[in-house]
């Protein structure tokens, strides 16, 4: 099936689980005694993508670029300003989550769940694990109390915790164990789509690897689909099938993970990759003379200037004030979101002519 993206034909696999079309979320800026609106913050500014069943799509970018706001709009934790969020429910019907009345969202909540960033603040300290993990079942009226207890025990085993822990409170667990509790809670209703909002950023590196491997194992076992929000590209490379790079509320590049790391097409993507630490003790630091047997270190791209203000973004391409490849066209004309290669979409006037450094996969 082919579908146009801003007039460009795009090859799309049949029956995506989630399709986001031209999603926007603007927050009003109010001033004065009467709190009059004097402007808007473009937190999410025309975001479009598809998510296939069983796939992991990562949203990456700097803090404040709109990743979490995009995820919350998809789940209707906040109401989008404009756009469509088309979700294919378990009965095969396509539902526009953005336009569904709040009173009718409860059936969709069972199929779309979220894993939160901070495992310390996302769990109620006054509730036991039985109450925390079993709360979604109680809210949706699923099973008797004994059936809920059995389901909680099953979920705890699934995420690598012992069922007898269900009578304990969150303060008795480490950060990694708390995140496993959060994952168990997200899986309680058998969701099809799981949004992981910086699910490992608050954890130690060794614990991050354990949680990532758990997520991959659960995806294979349960057939889950992930929207993975992160800022750490090394984490994203480990878990993602496709990657979408965001900058000031817009997706500037999206492609398969291996293709994106090997040869980025947007200058911002290349700059992000140059900041990934190299786990190679033989790589010489920049500025030192080359020594026989030492691998040269990848050149770091240092972006000049500040991130564009989403309340007053620059004309043309939002990235042009910091881009070393910008030309006059970039300063005046906004680049289109277009497919330049099969499966690769970029928002850049010069994407077809630039050859940018990537990272070996």
Protein backbone atom coordinates (compact mmCIF):
# COMPACT_ATOMS: atom_id res chain seq x y z
CA UNK A 1 0.00 0.00 0.00
CA UNK A 2 1.32 3.46 -0.83
CA UNK A 3 0.46 6.64 0.99
CA UNK A 4 1.52 10.21 0.36
CA UNK A 5 3.54 12.14 2.95
CA UNK A 6 3.39 15.83 2.01
CA UNK A 7 2.84 14.78 -1.57
CA UNK A 8 5.63 12.18 -1.62
CA UNK A 9 4.71 8.55 -2.22
CA UNK A 10 5.71 6.31 0.66
CA UNK A 11 5.69 2.54 0.82
CA UNK A 12 3.85 1.46 3.97
CA UNK A 13 3.33 -1.99 5.41
CA UNK A 14 -0.29 -2.96 5.85
CA UNK A 15 -2.27 -2.46 9.04
CA UNK A 16 -0.10 -0.33 11.37
CA UNK A 17 -1.00 -0.57 15.03
CA UNK A 18 -0.57 3.18 15.49
CA UNK A 19 -0.53 6.02 12.98
CA UNK A 20 0.12 9.61 14.05
CA UNK A 21 -0.79 12.29 11.52
CA UNK A 22 0.29 15.94 11.81
CA UNK A 23 0.15 15.93 15.61
CA UNK A 24 0.49 19.33 17.27
CA UNK A 25 0.45 20.45 20.89
CA UNK A 26 0.70 24.17 21.67
CA UNK A 27 0.73 25.48 25.24
CA UNK A 28 -0.59 29.05 25.73
CA UNK A 29 1.60 31.78 27.20
CA UNK A 30 -0.50 34.01 29.46
CA UNK A 31 0.46 37.31 31.04
CA UNK A 32 -1.13 40.14 32.95
CA UNK A 33 -3.85 40.37 35.56
CA UNK A 34 -6.46 39.02 33.13
CA UNK A 35 -4.17 36.17 32.04
CA UNK A 36 -4.54 36.99 28.39
CA UNK A 37 -2.85 34.73 25.85
CA UNK A 38 0.13 36.51 24.31
CA UNK A 39 1.77 33.56 22.53
CA UNK A 40 2.13 29.82 22.24
CA UNK A 41 4.85 27.27 22.95
CA UNK A 42 5.06 24.77 20.10
CA UNK A 43 5.92 21.71 22.16
CA UNK A 44 4.91 19.32 19.35
CA UNK A 45 4.85 20.83 15.88
CA UNK A 46 3.55 18.62 13.05
CA UNK A 47 4.70 15.10 14.00
CA UNK A 48 3.75 12.14 11.78
CA UNK A 49 4.82 8.48 11.96
CA UNK A 50 3.56 4.90 11.93
CA UNK A 51 4.19 2.03 14.33
CA UNK A 52 3.83 -1.56 13.20
CA UNK A 53 2.73 -4.45 15.48
CA UNK A 54 5.68 -5.96 17.36
CA UNK A 55 7.99 -3.08 16.46
CA UNK A 56 10.04 -0.76 18.67
CA UNK A 57 10.18 2.86 17.54
CA UNK A 58 12.44 5.19 19.53
CA UNK A 59 11.88 8.93 19.90
CA UNK A 60 15.21 10.61 20.68
CA UNK A 61 16.44 14.16 21.09
CA UNK A 62 17.61 16.75 23.58
CA UNK A 63 15.64 17.53 26.73
CA UNK A 64 12.69 19.76 25.92
CA UNK A 65 12.38 18.71 22.28
CA UNK A 66 8.83 17.36 22.73
CA UNK A 67 9.40 13.60 23.09
CA UNK A 68 7.41 13.11 26.29
CA UNK A 69 4.68 15.53 25.19
CA UNK A 70 4.27 13.51 22.00
CA UNK A 71 3.94 10.30 24.02
CA UNK A 72 1.41 11.82 26.40
CA UNK A 73 -0.68 13.15 23.51
CA UNK A 74 -0.76 9.67 21.97
CA UNK A 75 -2.07 8.21 25.22
CA UNK A 76 -4.41 11.20 25.75
CA UNK A 77 -2.82 11.99 29.08
CA UNK A 78 -2.98 15.51 27.64
CA UNK A 79 -5.22 16.71 24.82
CA UNK A 80 -3.46 17.49 21.51
CA UNK A 81 -4.10 20.82 19.84
CA UNK A 82 -4.42 19.32 16.38
CA UNK A 83 -3.83 16.11 14.45
CA UNK A 84 -4.90 12.47 14.44
CA UNK A 85 -3.78 9.51 16.56
CA UNK A 86 -5.18 6.44 14.82
CA UNK A 87 -5.00 3.27 16.92
CA UNK A 88 -6.06 -0.18 15.69
CA UNK A 89 -7.90 -1.79 18.60
CA UNK A 90 -8.04 -5.51 19.30
CA UNK A 91 -11.37 -5.84 17.48
CA UNK A 92 -9.84 -4.42 14.29
CA UNK A 93 -11.52 -1.00 14.47
CA UNK A 94 -9.42 2.11 13.90
CA UNK A 95 -10.04 4.70 16.61
CA UNK A 96 -8.85 8.32 16.56
CA UNK A 97 -7.61 8.62 20.13
CA UNK A 98 -7.20 12.39 19.76
CA UNK A 99 -10.91 12.86 18.95
CA UNK A 100 -12.42 10.26 21.29
CA UNK A 101 -14.45 11.76 24.17
CA UNK A 102 -12.77 11.25 27.53
CA UNK A 103 -15.69 9.22 28.77
CA UNK A 104 -15.09 6.66 26.01
CA UNK A 105 -11.34 6.26 26.53
CA UNK A 106 -11.46 3.56 29.22
CA UNK A 107 -11.64 0.57 26.79
CA UNK A 108 -8.56 1.96 25.00
CA UNK A 109 -6.64 2.31 28.28
CA UNK A 110 -6.50 -1.47 28.51
CA UNK A 111 -4.60 -1.64 25.21
CA UNK A 112 -2.26 1.36 25.69
CA UNK A 113 -0.10 1.59 28.82
CA UNK A 114 2.90 3.61 29.99
CA UNK A 115 6.13 2.90 31.87
CA UNK A 116 7.20 6.06 33.67
CA UNK A 117 10.67 7.56 33.93
CA UNK A 118 11.22 7.80 37.68
CA UNK A 119 10.69 4.49 39.51
CA UNK A 120 10.83 6.32 42.85
CA UNK A 121 8.03 8.86 42.32
CA UNK A 122 5.77 6.76 40.06
CA UNK A 123 4.91 4.24 42.80
CA UNK A 124 2.63 5.20 45.69
CA UNK A 125 4.68 4.69 48.90
CA UNK A 126 1.49 3.97 50.88
CA UNK A 127 0.48 1.01 48.72
CA UNK A 128 1.84 -2.53 48.70
CA UNK A 129 2.92 -4.24 45.49
CA UNK A 130 -0.38 -6.11 45.48
CA UNK A 131 -2.27 -2.81 45.46
CA UNK A 132 0.05 -1.11 42.94
CA UNK A 133 0.19 -3.89 40.35
CA UNK A 134 -3.41 -4.94 40.93
CA UNK A 135 -4.88 -1.43 40.76
CA UNK A 136 -5.49 -1.49 36.96
CA UNK A 137 -7.39 -4.76 37.40
CA UNK A 138 -9.47 -3.26 40.21
CA UNK A 139 -10.24 -0.06 38.26
CA UNK A 140 -11.43 -2.02 35.23
CA UNK A 141 -13.39 -4.48 37.35
CA UNK A 142 -11.43 -7.54 36.25
CA UNK A 143 -11.67 -10.71 38.36
CA UNK A 144 -12.36 -11.37 42.02
CA UNK A 145 -9.85 -10.45 44.73
CA UNK A 146 -8.34 -13.93 44.68
CA UNK A 147 -8.02 -13.82 40.88
CA UNK A 148 -6.32 -10.44 41.13
CA UNK A 149 -3.87 -11.82 43.70
CA UNK A 150 -3.04 -14.70 41.36
CA UNK A 151 -2.60 -12.30 38.44
CA UNK A 152 -0.26 -10.08 40.47
CA UNK A 153 1.81 -13.11 41.45
CA UNK A 154 2.04 -14.12 37.79
CA UNK A 155 3.12 -10.60 36.77
CA UNK A 156 5.80 -10.42 39.45
CA UNK A 157 7.26 -13.72 38.25
CA UNK A 158 7.13 -12.42 34.68
CA UNK A 159 9.33 -9.41 35.52
CA UNK A 160 11.77 -11.36 37.71
CA UNK A 161 10.41 -10.67 41.20
CA UNK A 162 9.24 -13.16 43.82
CA UNK A 163 5.44 -13.36 44.40
CA UNK A 164 5.86 -13.21 48.19
CA UNK A 165 7.08 -9.61 47.74
CA UNK A 166 3.53 -8.48 46.97
CA UNK A 167 2.86 -7.61 50.63
CA UNK A 168 5.83 -5.23 50.81
CA UNK A 169 5.95 -1.48 50.17
CA UNK A 170 8.04 0.25 47.44
CA UNK A 171 10.65 1.62 49.90
CA UNK A 172 11.93 -1.94 50.41
CA UNK A 173 13.15 -2.20 46.80
CA UNK A 174 16.04 -0.83 44.75
CA UNK A 175 15.61 1.40 41.70
CA UNK A 176 15.84 -1.49 39.26
CA UNK A 177 13.33 -3.54 41.23
CA UNK A 178 10.95 -0.59 41.38
CA UNK A 179 11.12 -0.23 37.62
CA UNK A 180 10.27 -3.92 37.30
CA UNK A 181 7.21 -3.22 39.47
CA UNK A 182 6.26 -0.39 37.11
CA UNK A 183 6.61 -2.73 34.14
CA UNK A 184 4.43 -5.33 35.85
CA UNK A 185 1.75 -2.70 36.46
CA UNK A 186 1.87 -1.63 32.79
CA UNK A 187 1.38 -5.26 31.69
CA UNK A 188 -1.52 -6.03 34.04
CA UNK A 189 -4.24 -5.43 31.42
CA UNK A 190 -2.51 -7.26 28.52
CA UNK A 191 -1.75 -4.07 26.52
CA UNK A 192 -0.76 -4.13 22.87
CA UNK A 193 1.09 -0.79 22.90
CA UNK A 194 3.51 0.17 25.68
CA UNK A 195 4.99 3.68 25.85
CA UNK A 196 8.28 3.67 27.78
CA UNK A 197 9.11 7.24 28.79
CA UNK A 198 12.85 7.32 29.60
CA UNK A 199 12.32 3.97 31.30
CA UNK A 200 16.01 3.42 32.14
CA UNK A 201 17.47 6.93 32.40
CA UNK A 202 17.18 7.04 36.22
CA UNK A 203 19.00 3.71 36.67
CA UNK A 204 22.64 2.68 36.95
CA UNK A 205 24.25 1.47 33.74
CA UNK A 206 24.41 -2.19 34.80
CA UNK A 207 20.75 -2.08 35.87
CA UNK A 208 19.81 -0.37 32.59
CA UNK A 209 21.08 -3.39 30.68
CA UNK A 210 18.98 -5.73 32.81
CA UNK A 211 15.81 -3.69 32.26
CA UNK A 212 16.43 -3.39 28.52
CA UNK A 213 16.94 -7.14 28.21
CA UNK A 214 13.75 -7.68 30.20
CA UNK A 215 11.82 -5.40 27.84
CA UNK A 216 13.15 -7.29 24.82
CA UNK A 217 12.27 -10.63 26.39
CA UNK A 218 8.73 -9.46 27.22
CA UNK A 219 8.28 -8.12 23.71
CA UNK A 220 9.20 -11.48 22.20
CA UNK A 221 7.09 -13.45 24.67
CA UNK A 222 3.97 -11.25 24.68
CA UNK A 223 4.11 -9.68 21.21
CA UNK A 224 4.34 -6.14 22.58
CA UNK A 225 4.78 -2.96 20.54
CA UNK A 226 6.99 -0.26 22.07
CA UNK A 227 7.22 3.49 21.66
CA UNK A 228 10.52 4.08 23.45
CA UNK A 229 11.27 7.66 24.50
CA UNK A 230 14.95 8.27 25.29
CA UNK A 231 17.84 10.68 24.97
CA UNK A 232 20.66 8.10 25.20
CA UNK A 233 21.49 6.91 21.69
CA UNK A 234 23.54 3.96 22.93
CA UNK A 235 20.42 2.65 24.69
CA UNK A 236 18.30 3.29 21.62
CA UNK A 237 20.69 1.38 19.37
CA UNK A 238 20.33 -1.70 21.57
CA UNK A 239 16.54 -1.90 21.66
CA UNK A 240 15.07 -0.13 18.61
CA UNK A 241 13.97 -1.28 15.18
CA UNK A 242 13.47 2.27 13.93
CA UNK A 243 14.52 5.66 15.30
CA UNK A 244 12.87 9.08 15.00
CA UNK A 245 15.05 12.08 15.91
CA UNK A 246 13.23 15.14 17.28
CA UNK A 247 14.34 18.78 17.41
CA UNK A 248 12.17 21.62 18.77
CA UNK A 249 8.89 19.73 18.44
CA UNK A 250 9.55 18.27 14.97
CA UNK A 251 10.86 14.92 13.77
CA UNK A 252 13.86 15.79 11.58
CA UNK A 253 14.86 12.24 10.58
CA UNK A 254 13.41 8.74 10.81
CA UNK A 255 14.90 5.48 9.54
CA UNK A 256 15.82 1.91 10.47
CA UNK A 257 18.22 1.90 13.42
CA UNK A 258 21.16 0.34 11.56
CA UNK A 259 20.79 2.63 8.54
CA UNK A 260 20.49 5.71 10.74
CA UNK A 261 23.59 4.94 12.77
CA UNK A 262 25.62 3.98 9.72
CA UNK A 263 24.79 7.04 7.60
CA UNK A 264 22.67 9.85 9.10
CA UNK A 265 21.19 12.30 6.63
CA UNK A 266 20.36 15.24 8.93
CA UNK A 267 23.17 17.35 10.47
CA UNK A 268 21.48 17.28 13.89
CA UNK A 269 21.42 13.47 13.89
CA UNK A 270 25.11 13.37 13.05
CA UNK A 271 25.89 15.82 15.87
CA UNK A 272 23.99 13.67 18.38
CA UNK A 273 25.90 10.57 17.31
CA UNK A 274 29.25 12.30 17.66
CA UNK A 275 28.49 12.76 21.37
CA UNK A 276 28.10 9.01 22.03
CA UNK A 277 30.98 7.90 24.31
CA UNK A 278 33.31 5.34 22.78
CA UNK A 279 33.79 2.25 25.00
CA UNK A 280 37.28 1.67 23.60
CA UNK A 281 40.24 2.17 25.96
CA UNK A 282 42.61 2.19 22.96
CA UNK A 283 40.97 5.25 21.39
CA UNK A 284 43.30 8.22 21.87
CA UNK A 285 41.89 11.49 23.25
CA UNK A 286 41.44 14.34 20.82
CA UNK A 287 44.38 16.67 20.52
CA UNK A 288 47.10 14.06 21.13
CA UNK A 289 49.46 12.74 18.54
CA UNK A 290 48.61 9.45 16.90
CA UNK A 291 50.36 6.49 18.51
CA UNK A 292 50.92 3.15 16.80
CA UNK A 293 48.27 0.63 17.84
CA UNK A 294 45.79 3.27 19.06
CA UNK A 295 42.52 3.78 17.22
CA UNK A 296 41.69 7.39 16.30
CA UNK A 297 38.76 8.86 18.21
CA UNK A 298 35.64 9.93 16.34
CA UNK A 299 35.55 13.70 15.80
CA UNK A 300 33.09 15.46 18.13
CA UNK A 301 30.68 17.92 16.50
CA UNK A 302 30.07 20.88 18.81
CA UNK A 303 26.91 22.76 17.89
CA UNK A 304 27.11 26.53 18.23
CA UNK A 305 24.39 28.67 19.75
CA UNK A 306 21.35 27.63 21.76
CA UNK A 307 18.37 25.38 21.05
CA UNK A 308 15.65 27.32 19.24
CA UNK A 309 12.91 28.83 21.38
CA UNK A 310 9.70 26.82 20.77
CA UNK A 311 7.68 29.95 21.60
CA UNK A 312 9.40 31.90 18.80
CA UNK A 313 11.14 29.44 16.45
CA UNK A 314 13.34 30.85 13.67
CA UNK A 315 12.05 31.17 10.14
CA UNK A 316 12.77 28.40 7.65
CA UNK A 317 14.46 25.36 9.14
CA UNK A 318 14.42 25.43 12.94
CA UNK A 319 17.96 24.02 13.01
CA UNK A 320 19.59 26.47 10.59
CA UNK A 321 21.08 28.88 13.23
CA UNK A 322 23.22 25.96 14.55
CA UNK A 323 23.85 24.11 11.28
CA UNK A 324 27.25 24.35 9.61
CA UNK A 325 25.72 23.27 6.28
CA UNK A 326 22.94 25.90 6.20
CA UNK A 327 22.42 27.95 3.04
CA UNK A 328 20.15 30.92 2.32
CA UNK A 329 17.24 28.61 1.42
CA UNK A 330 17.39 27.05 4.91
CA UNK A 331 16.88 30.47 6.51
CA UNK A 332 13.70 31.33 4.65
CA UNK A 333 11.89 28.15 3.54
CA UNK A 334 10.78 25.41 5.94
CA UNK A 335 11.98 22.01 4.65
CA UNK A 336 9.36 19.40 3.81
CA UNK A 337 9.04 16.08 5.66
CA UNK A 338 9.84 13.79 2.75
CA UNK A 339 11.12 10.32 1.94
CA UNK A 340 14.52 10.49 0.28
CA UNK A 341 15.17 6.72 0.35
CA UNK A 342 12.91 3.74 0.99
CA UNK A 343 12.09 3.80 4.69
CA UNK A 344 14.05 7.01 5.41
CA UNK A 345 12.28 10.32 5.93
CA UNK A 346 14.18 13.57 6.52
CA UNK A 347 13.31 17.23 7.10
CA UNK A 348 16.31 18.90 5.42
CA UNK A 349 16.84 20.78 2.14
CA UNK A 350 20.31 19.30 1.62
CA UNK A 351 19.71 15.73 2.82
CA UNK A 352 20.33 14.20 -0.62
CA UNK A 353 23.70 15.87 -1.14
CA UNK A 354 25.28 15.70 2.33
CA UNK A 355 27.58 12.88 3.41
CA UNK A 356 27.62 12.81 7.21
CA UNK A 357 29.58 10.73 9.70
CA UNK A 358 27.73 7.99 11.56
CA UNK A 359 28.59 5.34 14.11
CA UNK A 360 29.63 1.77 13.35
CA UNK A 361 26.84 -0.69 14.20
